[in-house]
Structure formats: C-alpha cells, structure tokens
Protein backbone atom coordinates (compact mmCIF):
# COMPACT_ATOMS: atom_id res chain seq x y z
CA MET A 1 124.68 142.10 64.83
CA PHE A 2 121.67 143.45 66.98
CA ASN A 3 117.89 142.36 66.16
CA THR A 4 114.74 143.56 67.51
CA PRO A 5 113.66 140.66 68.95
CA HIS A 6 116.75 139.24 70.24
CA ARG A 7 117.35 136.03 68.06
CA GLY A 8 117.02 132.81 69.76
CA SER A 9 114.08 134.09 72.41
CA SER A 10 110.28 133.00 72.25
CA ASN A 11 108.80 135.60 70.43
CA TRP A 12 111.73 135.53 67.86
CA LYS A 13 110.75 131.65 67.46
CA GLN A 14 107.38 132.41 66.85
CA LEU A 15 108.02 135.63 64.03
CA TYR A 16 110.57 132.71 62.42
CA ASN A 17 107.47 130.15 62.38
CA GLN A 18 105.18 132.05 60.86
CA ARG A 19 107.45 133.68 58.10
CA THR A 20 108.71 129.88 57.21
CA ALA A 21 104.98 129.15 57.16
CA SER A 22 104.10 132.12 54.98
CA GLU A 23 107.32 131.16 52.64
CA ARG A 24 105.86 127.68 52.29
CA CYS A 25 102.10 128.73 51.31
CA PHE A 26 103.76 130.97 48.75
CA GLY A 27 105.57 127.83 47.21
CA ARG A 28 102.51 125.66 47.49
CA GLN A 29 100.70 128.38 44.70
CA LYS A 30 103.98 129.03 42.95
CA GLU A 31 104.60 125.17 42.41
CA HIS A 32 100.73 123.84 42.00
CA LEU A 33 98.74 127.06 40.93
CA GLY A 34 100.86 129.21 38.74
CA LEU A 35 101.55 131.87 40.87
CA ASP A 36 104.84 132.01 38.93
CA GLU A 37 103.18 132.10 35.49
CA ILE A 38 101.54 135.63 35.34
CA ARG A 39 101.41 137.02 32.40
CA HIS A 40 99.11 139.91 33.13
CA ARG A 41 100.68 143.53 33.14
CA GLY A 42 99.17 146.04 36.23
CA VAL A 43 99.35 145.80 39.66
CA GLU A 44 95.33 145.16 40.25
CA LYS A 45 95.82 141.70 37.37
CA VAL A 46 98.35 140.70 39.34
CA GLU A 47 96.96 140.91 42.56
CA THR A 48 93.54 139.64 41.76
CA HIS A 49 95.50 136.42 40.02
CA ALA A 50 96.84 135.72 43.18
CA TYR A 51 93.57 136.79 44.93
CA LEU A 52 92.16 133.47 42.31
CA CYS A 53 95.30 131.32 43.58
CA ASN A 54 94.21 131.43 47.34
CA ILE A 55 90.27 130.52 46.72
CA ALA A 56 91.49 127.46 44.36
CA LEU A 57 93.93 126.70 47.59
CA LEU A 58 91.53 127.10 49.82
CA ALA A 59 88.81 125.84 47.74
CA THR A 60 90.60 122.01 47.32
CA VAL A 61 91.11 122.40 51.64
CA ILE A 62 87.58 122.57 52.06
CA ALA A 63 86.99 120.15 49.70
CA ILE A 64 89.68 117.23 50.74
CA ASN A 65 88.30 117.75 54.53
CA THR A 66 84.81 117.96 53.89
CA PRO A 67 82.87 114.97 56.57
CA GLU A 68 81.41 113.77 53.44
CA LYS A 69 85.01 112.28 51.98
CA ALA A 70 85.39 110.47 54.93
CA ASN A 71 82.22 108.75 54.86
CA VAL A 72 82.77 107.44 51.68
CA ALA A 73 86.18 105.88 52.67
CA ALA A 74 84.91 104.22 55.85
C-alpha cells in the first residue's frame, strides 16, 4: 500500500527507469548471447559465464560505434 519512494514521484520514476533498462539488458543477453542456456554447475562458473556474456555485449557495442566504421560508410 505504501511504497518508499512514493509511487509516481520523480525518485520512483528514476528507479523504475533503471529497473526497466537493466531488464532490457538481461533480455538481450538471454536472447542473443546465450545467458539462458547455462550448462555449468556452481556459482563461480555461472558468474564467469555471465561476465563473458557482458564482455561480448560490450565488445559488439564498441565494434559498432568505432569511428573507422563511420568513415567507411561515408
């Protein structure tokens, strides 16, 4: 009934936007990078698999946004 921060306040909207952004990120990782197909046992191995998925996601973002890519297309 009573939330902290109050629903509809600017602080609540900011926290909710962060939540939806992180869920979109996890959705991309599950769909495209194999985070939903974990075949490892143990917390450390699963954490390593998640870290590798994050590294792959960041590497693709960096590769797409390099200046050399923009010069080739122009």
